Amino acid sequence: MKLLFKIFFVALLAFSLCGLSSRFGIKVLQQNSATLCFKFGDTGPSKSSGVKINTFLVVKKGDSGQWDYKSPVWAFELTPGSAKPLSRVTYGQVPAGFAETTKASPLTEGTHYLAVGLSPGSGGSAEFVAH
């Protein structure tokens, strides 16, 4: 199952990076080391009603400086082709209707991470450093 997810995700990521028709913003809100939230919305200042999401994951930057997409520190998804609107997600709390594909690992202070959200035809990402 995990191998199938990895194959699906790599194919989806490649397709998304080559053929996205739109992008959305992800804002990382880190109130303290125990509370990390991701806010989804259009990049415009007045638009923050959320976006339809199919797959969401958080990956760590490896020692080589590359993002480790094959081993996310947390991930959840819907069945391929479907999407649900999300406006905000708290790290480690899977939104209703989504299936967790990788359980949330504790984040390491000072480590660089990338939050990635994908949906049919759009995607967004945000880099952050854990505090």
N, C-alpha and C. Protein backbone atom coordinates (compact mmCIF):
# COMPACT_ATOMS: atom_id res chain seq x y z
N MET A 1 0.82 -1.19 0.00
CA MET A 1 0.00 0.00 0.00
C MET A 1 0.87 1.25 0.00
N LYS A 2 1.92 1.25 0.85
CA LYS A 2 2.79 2.42 0.91
C LYS A 2 3.55 2.59 -0.40
N LEU A 3 3.98 1.48 -1.02
CA LEU A 3 4.67 1.57 -2.30
C LEU A 3 3.73 2.11 -3.37
N LEU A 4 2.49 1.66 -3.36
CA LEU A 4 1.50 2.16 -4.31
C LEU A 4 1.31 3.66 -4.14
N PHE A 5 1.23 4.12 -2.88
CA PHE A 5 1.09 5.56 -2.63
C PHE A 5 2.29 6.33 -3.18
N LYS A 6 3.50 5.81 -2.96
CA LYS A 6 4.69 6.49 -3.44
C LYS A 6 4.70 6.58 -4.96
N ILE A 7 4.34 5.50 -5.63
CA ILE A 7 4.29 5.51 -7.10
C ILE A 7 3.24 6.50 -7.57
N PHE A 8 2.05 6.44 -6.96
CA PHE A 8 0.97 7.37 -7.32
C PHE A 8 1.41 8.81 -7.08
N PHE A 9 2.03 9.08 -5.93
CA PHE A 9 2.41 10.45 -5.61
C PHE A 9 3.47 10.98 -6.56
N VAL A 10 4.49 10.19 -6.86
CA VAL A 10 5.54 10.64 -7.77
C VAL A 10 4.95 10.95 -9.15
N ALA A 11 4.04 10.09 -9.63
CA ALA A 11 3.39 10.34 -10.92
C ALA A 11 2.53 11.60 -10.85
N LEU A 12 1.77 11.75 -9.76
CA LEU A 12 0.92 12.92 -9.61
C LEU A 12 1.75 14.19 -9.50
N LEU A 13 2.86 14.14 -8.76
CA LEU A 13 3.72 15.29 -8.61
C LEU A 13 4.33 15.69 -9.96
N ALA A 14 4.81 14.70 -10.73
CA ALA A 14 5.39 14.99 -12.04
C ALA A 14 4.34 15.63 -12.96
N PHE A 15 3.14 15.05 -12.98
CA PHE A 15 2.06 15.61 -13.80
C PHE A 15 1.71 17.02 -13.33
N SER A 16 1.64 17.20 -12.03
CA SER A 16 1.25 18.50 -11.48
C SER A 16 2.27 19.58 -11.81
N LEU A 17 3.54 19.26 -11.67
CA LEU A 17 4.56 20.26 -11.95
C LEU A 17 4.62 20.62 -13.42
N CYS A 18 4.24 19.71 -14.28
CA CYS A 18 4.27 19.96 -15.72
C CYS A 18 2.97 20.55 -16.24
N GLY A 19 1.85 20.24 -15.61
CA GLY A 19 0.58 20.61 -16.21
C GLY A 19 -0.41 21.32 -15.31
N LEU A 20 0.04 22.01 -14.29
CA LEU A 20 -0.90 22.72 -13.44
C LEU A 20 -1.47 23.92 -14.17
N SER A 21 -2.78 24.09 -14.07
CA SER A 21 -3.40 25.24 -14.72
C SER A 21 -3.50 26.42 -13.77
N SER A 22 -3.41 26.18 -12.47
CA SER A 22 -3.45 27.28 -11.52
C SER A 22 -2.68 26.91 -10.26
N ARG A 23 -2.36 27.94 -9.49
CA ARG A 23 -1.64 27.73 -8.23
C ARG A 23 -2.44 28.38 -7.11
N PHE A 24 -2.30 27.84 -5.94
CA PHE A 24 -2.92 28.45 -4.77
C PHE A 24 -1.86 28.63 -3.69
N GLY A 25 -2.14 29.49 -2.75
CA GLY A 25 -1.20 29.77 -1.69
C GLY A 25 -1.42 28.87 -0.49
N ILE A 26 -0.32 28.59 0.20
CA ILE A 26 -0.36 27.91 1.49
C ILE A 26 0.43 28.80 2.44
N LYS A 27 -0.21 29.20 3.50
CA LYS A 27 0.46 30.02 4.52
C LYS A 27 0.70 29.14 5.74
N VAL A 28 1.92 29.15 6.25
CA VAL A 28 2.28 28.35 7.42
C VAL A 28 2.17 29.24 8.65
N LEU A 29 1.34 28.82 9.59
CA LEU A 29 1.14 29.56 10.83
C LEU A 29 1.66 28.71 11.97
N GLN A 30 2.80 29.09 12.53
CA GLN A 30 3.41 28.31 13.61
C GLN A 30 3.35 29.14 14.88
N GLN A 31 2.39 28.79 15.74
CA GLN A 31 2.19 29.54 16.98
C GLN A 31 3.20 29.15 18.04
N ASN A 32 3.55 27.89 18.11
CA ASN A 32 4.59 27.38 19.00
C ASN A 32 5.03 26.02 18.49
N SER A 33 5.93 25.37 19.20
CA SER A 33 6.46 24.09 18.70
C SER A 33 5.40 23.00 18.64
N ALA A 34 4.29 23.17 19.39
CA ALA A 34 3.26 22.13 19.40
C ALA A 34 2.11 22.42 18.44
N THR A 35 2.00 23.64 17.94
CA THR A 35 0.87 23.99 17.08
C THR A 35 1.36 24.57 15.77
N LEU A 36 1.13 23.83 14.70
CA LEU A 36 1.51 24.27 13.36
C LEU A 36 0.28 24.13 12.48
N CYS A 37 -0.14 25.22 11.83
CA CYS A 37 -1.32 25.20 10.97
C CYS A 37 -0.94 25.61 9.56
N PHE A 38 -1.70 25.11 8.60
CA PHE A 38 -1.54 25.46 7.20
C PHE A 38 -2.85 26.07 6.73
N LYS A 39 -2.78 27.27 6.17
CA LYS A 39 -3.96 27.97 5.69
C LYS A 39 -3.91 27.97 4.16
N PHE A 40 -4.98 27.48 3.54
CA PHE A 40 -5.04 27.37 2.09
C PHE A 40 -5.88 28.51 1.52
N GLY A 41 -5.45 29.07 0.40
CA GLY A 41 -6.24 30.10 -0.24
C GLY A 41 -5.54 30.64 -1.46
N ASP A 42 -6.24 31.49 -2.17
CA ASP A 42 -5.64 32.17 -3.31
C ASP A 42 -4.57 33.11 -2.79
N THR A 43 -3.67 33.49 -3.67
CA THR A 43 -2.55 34.31 -3.25
C THR A 43 -2.94 35.76 -3.05
N GLY A 44 -4.10 36.18 -3.50
CA GLY A 44 -4.54 37.56 -3.32
C GLY A 44 -4.81 37.86 -1.85
N PRO A 45 -4.64 39.14 -1.43
CA PRO A 45 -4.78 39.47 -0.01
C PRO A 45 -6.19 39.29 0.54
N SER A 46 -7.21 39.42 -0.27
CA SER A 46 -8.58 39.34 0.24
C SER A 46 -9.20 37.96 0.07
N LYS A 47 -8.50 37.04 -0.57
CA LYS A 47 -9.07 35.72 -0.85
C LYS A 47 -8.43 34.68 0.06
N SER A 48 -9.21 34.12 0.97
CA SER A 48 -8.68 33.08 1.85
C SER A 48 -9.78 32.08 2.21
N SER A 49 -10.69 31.86 1.29
CA SER A 49 -11.82 30.97 1.55
C SER A 49 -11.46 29.50 1.44
N GLY A 50 -10.24 29.20 1.12
CA GLY A 50 -9.82 27.81 0.99
C GLY A 50 -9.81 27.35 -0.45
N VAL A 51 -9.34 26.13 -0.64
CA VAL A 51 -9.25 25.54 -1.97
C VAL A 51 -9.59 24.06 -1.89
N LYS A 52 -9.92 23.48 -3.03
CA LYS A 52 -10.18 22.05 -3.09
C LYS A 52 -8.84 21.32 -3.10
N ILE A 53 -8.71 20.35 -2.20
CA ILE A 53 -7.46 19.59 -2.03
C ILE A 53 -7.74 18.12 -2.24
N ASN A 54 -6.79 17.45 -2.92
CA ASN A 54 -6.85 16.00 -3.08
C ASN A 54 -5.77 15.34 -2.24
N THR A 55 -4.57 15.91 -2.28
CA THR A 55 -3.42 15.34 -1.59
C THR A 55 -2.67 16.45 -0.86
N PHE A 56 -2.25 16.16 0.36
CA PHE A 56 -1.44 17.12 1.11
C PHE A 56 -0.33 16.34 1.79
N LEU A 57 0.88 16.89 1.78
CA LEU A 57 1.99 16.25 2.45
C LEU A 57 3.00 17.27 2.92
N VAL A 58 3.76 16.89 3.91
CA VAL A 58 4.86 17.69 4.41
C VAL A 58 6.11 16.84 4.26
N VAL A 59 7.13 17.40 3.60
CA VAL A 59 8.38 16.68 3.37
C VAL A 59 9.54 17.46 3.98
N LYS A 60 10.61 16.74 4.24
CA LYS A 60 11.80 17.32 4.86
C LYS A 60 12.89 17.49 3.81
N LYS A 61 13.70 18.51 3.99
CA LYS A 61 14.87 18.69 3.12
C LYS A 61 15.97 17.77 3.61
N GLY A 62 16.48 16.95 2.72
CA GLY A 62 17.52 16.00 3.08
C GLY A 62 18.89 16.64 3.18
N ASP A 63 19.87 15.84 3.59
CA ASP A 63 21.24 16.32 3.72
C ASP A 63 21.81 16.79 2.38
N SER A 64 21.30 16.23 1.29
CA SER A 64 21.77 16.61 -0.04
C SER A 64 21.17 17.93 -0.52
N GLY A 65 20.22 18.48 0.26
CA GLY A 65 19.56 19.72 -0.13
C GLY A 65 18.32 19.50 -0.98
N GLN A 66 17.96 18.25 -1.23
CA GLN A 66 16.78 17.92 -2.02
C GLN A 66 15.61 17.59 -1.10
N TRP A 67 14.39 17.88 -1.56
CA TRP A 67 13.19 17.53 -0.80
C TRP A 67 12.96 16.03 -0.91
N ASP A 68 12.66 15.38 0.20
CA ASP A 68 12.47 13.93 0.24
C ASP A 68 10.99 13.60 0.04
N TYR A 69 10.53 13.70 -1.21
CA TYR A 69 9.12 13.44 -1.54
C TYR A 69 8.72 11.97 -1.31
N LYS A 70 9.68 11.08 -1.37
CA LYS A 70 9.38 9.65 -1.21
C LYS A 70 9.07 9.27 0.23
N SER A 71 9.51 10.08 1.18
CA SER A 71 9.31 9.77 2.60
C SER A 71 8.74 10.99 3.33
N PRO A 72 7.47 11.31 3.09
CA PRO A 72 6.90 12.48 3.77
C PRO A 72 6.87 12.27 5.29
N VAL A 73 6.91 13.39 6.04
CA VAL A 73 6.80 13.31 7.49
C VAL A 73 5.33 13.30 7.91
N TRP A 74 4.44 13.66 7.00
CA TRP A 74 2.99 13.57 7.22
C TRP A 74 2.31 13.69 5.87
N ALA A 75 1.24 12.91 5.65
CA ALA A 75 0.52 12.99 4.38
C ALA A 75 -0.90 12.46 4.55
N PHE A 76 -1.82 13.05 3.77
CA PHE A 76 -3.18 12.54 3.68
C PHE A 76 -3.70 12.80 2.28
N GLU A 77 -4.76 12.05 1.89
CA GLU A 77 -5.28 12.18 0.54
C GLU A 77 -6.70 11.67 0.44
N LEU A 78 -7.31 11.95 -0.71
CA LEU A 78 -8.59 11.39 -1.12
C LEU A 78 -8.32 10.45 -2.28
N THR A 79 -9.35 9.76 -2.76
CA THR A 79 -9.18 8.91 -3.93
C THR A 79 -8.79 9.78 -5.12
N PRO A 80 -8.00 9.26 -6.05
CA PRO A 80 -7.57 10.04 -7.21
C PRO A 80 -8.76 10.64 -7.98
N GLY A 81 -8.60 11.89 -8.36
CA GLY A 81 -9.62 12.59 -9.14
C GLY A 81 -10.64 13.34 -8.31
N SER A 82 -10.71 13.07 -7.00
CA SER A 82 -11.67 13.77 -6.16
C SER A 82 -10.94 14.85 -5.36
N ALA A 83 -11.70 15.80 -4.83
CA ALA A 83 -11.12 16.88 -4.02
C ALA A 83 -12.19 17.43 -3.09
N LYS A 84 -11.74 17.92 -1.94
CA LYS A 84 -12.63 18.54 -0.96
C LYS A 84 -12.06 19.90 -0.60
N PRO A 85 -12.94 20.89 -0.36
CA PRO A 85 -12.42 22.20 0.02
C PRO A 85 -11.86 22.21 1.44
N LEU A 86 -10.69 22.81 1.58
CA LEU A 86 -10.06 23.00 2.88
C LEU A 86 -9.61 24.45 2.98
N SER A 87 -9.77 25.03 4.15
CA SER A 87 -9.26 26.38 4.36
C SER A 87 -8.11 26.37 5.37
N ARG A 88 -8.11 25.39 6.28
CA ARG A 88 -7.07 25.35 7.31
C ARG A 88 -6.90 23.91 7.81
N VAL A 89 -5.65 23.52 8.07
CA VAL A 89 -5.34 22.20 8.58
C VAL A 89 -4.28 22.36 9.67
N THR A 90 -4.46 21.65 10.77
CA THR A 90 -3.46 21.62 11.85
C THR A 90 -2.60 20.38 11.66
N TYR A 91 -1.28 20.56 11.80
CA TYR A 91 -0.35 19.46 11.60
C TYR A 91 -0.73 18.27 12.49
N GLY A 92 -0.86 17.10 11.86
CA GLY A 92 -1.16 15.86 12.56
C GLY A 92 -2.64 15.56 12.72
N GLN A 93 -3.52 16.51 12.36
CA GLN A 93 -4.96 16.29 12.46
C GLN A 93 -5.54 16.14 11.06
N VAL A 94 -5.93 14.93 10.72
CA VAL A 94 -6.43 14.64 9.37
C VAL A 94 -7.85 15.19 9.23
N PRO A 95 -8.10 16.00 8.20
CA PRO A 95 -9.45 16.53 7.99
C PRO A 95 -10.46 15.42 7.71
N ALA A 96 -11.71 15.66 8.08
CA ALA A 96 -12.79 14.69 7.86
C ALA A 96 -12.87 14.31 6.39
N GLY A 97 -13.00 13.02 6.14
CA GLY A 97 -13.14 12.51 4.78
C GLY A 97 -11.83 12.12 4.11
N PHE A 98 -10.70 12.56 4.65
CA PHE A 98 -9.40 12.24 4.08
C PHE A 98 -8.82 11.02 4.78
N ALA A 99 -7.94 10.31 4.08
CA ALA A 99 -7.25 9.15 4.66
C ALA A 99 -5.79 9.52 4.89
N GLU A 100 -5.30 9.27 6.10
CA GLU A 100 -3.90 9.54 6.41
C GLU A 100 -3.05 8.44 5.79
N THR A 101 -2.09 8.83 4.97
CA THR A 101 -1.22 7.85 4.31
C THR A 101 0.13 7.75 4.99
N THR A 102 0.53 8.80 5.73
CA THR A 102 1.74 8.77 6.54
C THR A 102 1.42 9.49 7.84
N LYS A 103 1.58 8.79 8.96
CA LYS A 103 1.32 9.39 10.27
C LYS A 103 2.32 10.53 10.52
N ALA A 104 1.85 11.56 11.21
CA ALA A 104 2.69 12.73 11.49
C ALA A 104 3.85 12.37 12.41
N SER A 105 5.05 12.72 11.97
CA SER A 105 6.25 12.56 12.78
C SER A 105 6.54 13.89 13.47
N PRO A 106 7.17 13.85 14.63
CA PRO A 106 7.54 15.12 15.28
C PRO A 106 8.48 15.92 14.37
N LEU A 107 8.26 17.22 14.31
CA LEU A 107 9.13 18.09 13.51
C LEU A 107 10.35 18.46 14.33
N THR A 108 11.49 18.58 13.66
CA THR A 108 12.75 18.89 14.32
C THR A 108 13.04 20.38 14.19
N GLU A 109 13.28 21.02 15.32
CA GLU A 109 13.57 22.45 15.33
C GLU A 109 14.77 22.77 14.44
N GLY A 110 14.63 23.82 13.63
CA GLY A 110 15.70 24.25 12.75
C GLY A 110 15.75 23.53 11.42
N THR A 111 14.91 22.53 11.22
CA THR A 111 14.89 21.75 9.98
C THR A 111 13.97 22.41 8.96
N HIS A 112 14.37 22.37 7.70
CA HIS A 112 13.57 22.93 6.61
C HIS A 112 12.55 21.90 6.13
N TYR A 113 11.31 22.35 5.96
CA TYR A 113 10.21 21.50 5.50
C TYR A 113 9.49 22.19 4.35
N LEU A 114 8.76 21.40 3.59
CA LEU A 114 7.94 21.90 2.49
C LEU A 114 6.56 21.29 2.62
N ALA A 115 5.54 22.15 2.68
CA ALA A 115 4.14 21.70 2.68
C ALA A 115 3.66 21.79 1.24
N VAL A 116 3.05 20.70 0.75
CA VAL A 116 2.60 20.62 -0.63
C VAL A 116 1.13 20.20 -0.66
N GLY A 117 0.31 20.97 -1.35
CA GLY A 117 -1.09 20.63 -1.56
C GLY A 117 -1.35 20.46 -3.04
N LEU A 118 -2.09 19.42 -3.40
CA LEU A 118 -2.40 19.16 -4.81
C LEU A 118 -3.88 18.91 -4.96
N SER A 119 -4.41 19.33 -6.09
CA SER A 119 -5.78 19.01 -6.47
C SER A 119 -5.80 18.88 -7.98
N PRO A 120 -6.88 18.32 -8.54
CA PRO A 120 -6.91 18.21 -10.00
C PRO A 120 -6.77 19.59 -10.66
N GLY A 121 -5.66 19.79 -11.35
CA GLY A 121 -5.45 21.03 -12.09
C GLY A 121 -4.81 22.16 -11.33
N SER A 122 -4.49 21.99 -10.05
CA SER A 122 -3.84 23.08 -9.32
C SER A 122 -2.97 22.53 -8.21
N GLY A 123 -2.16 23.38 -7.65
CA GLY A 123 -1.29 22.98 -6.56
C GLY A 123 -0.67 24.19 -5.90
N GLY A 124 -0.10 23.96 -4.75
CA GLY A 124 0.57 25.03 -4.02
C GLY A 124 1.57 24.43 -3.05
N SER A 125 2.49 25.26 -2.59
CA SER A 125 3.49 24.79 -1.64
C SER A 125 3.99 25.97 -0.81
N ALA A 126 4.56 25.63 0.32
CA ALA A 126 5.17 26.64 1.19
C ALA A 126 6.32 26.00 1.95
N GLU A 127 7.46 26.67 1.94
CA GLU A 127 8.63 26.20 2.68
C GLU A 127 8.61 26.85 4.05
N PHE A 128 9.04 26.10 5.07
CA PHE A 128 9.12 26.66 6.42
C PHE A 128 10.21 25.95 7.21
N VAL A 129 10.62 26.60 8.29
CA VAL A 129 11.60 26.02 9.21
C VAL A 129 10.88 25.83 10.54
N ALA A 130 10.97 24.63 11.11
CA ALA A 130 10.31 24.34 12.37
C ALA A 130 10.96 25.12 13.51
N HIS A 131 10.14 25.63 14.41
CA HIS A 131 10.62 26.40 15.57
C HIS A 131 10.46 25.58 16.83
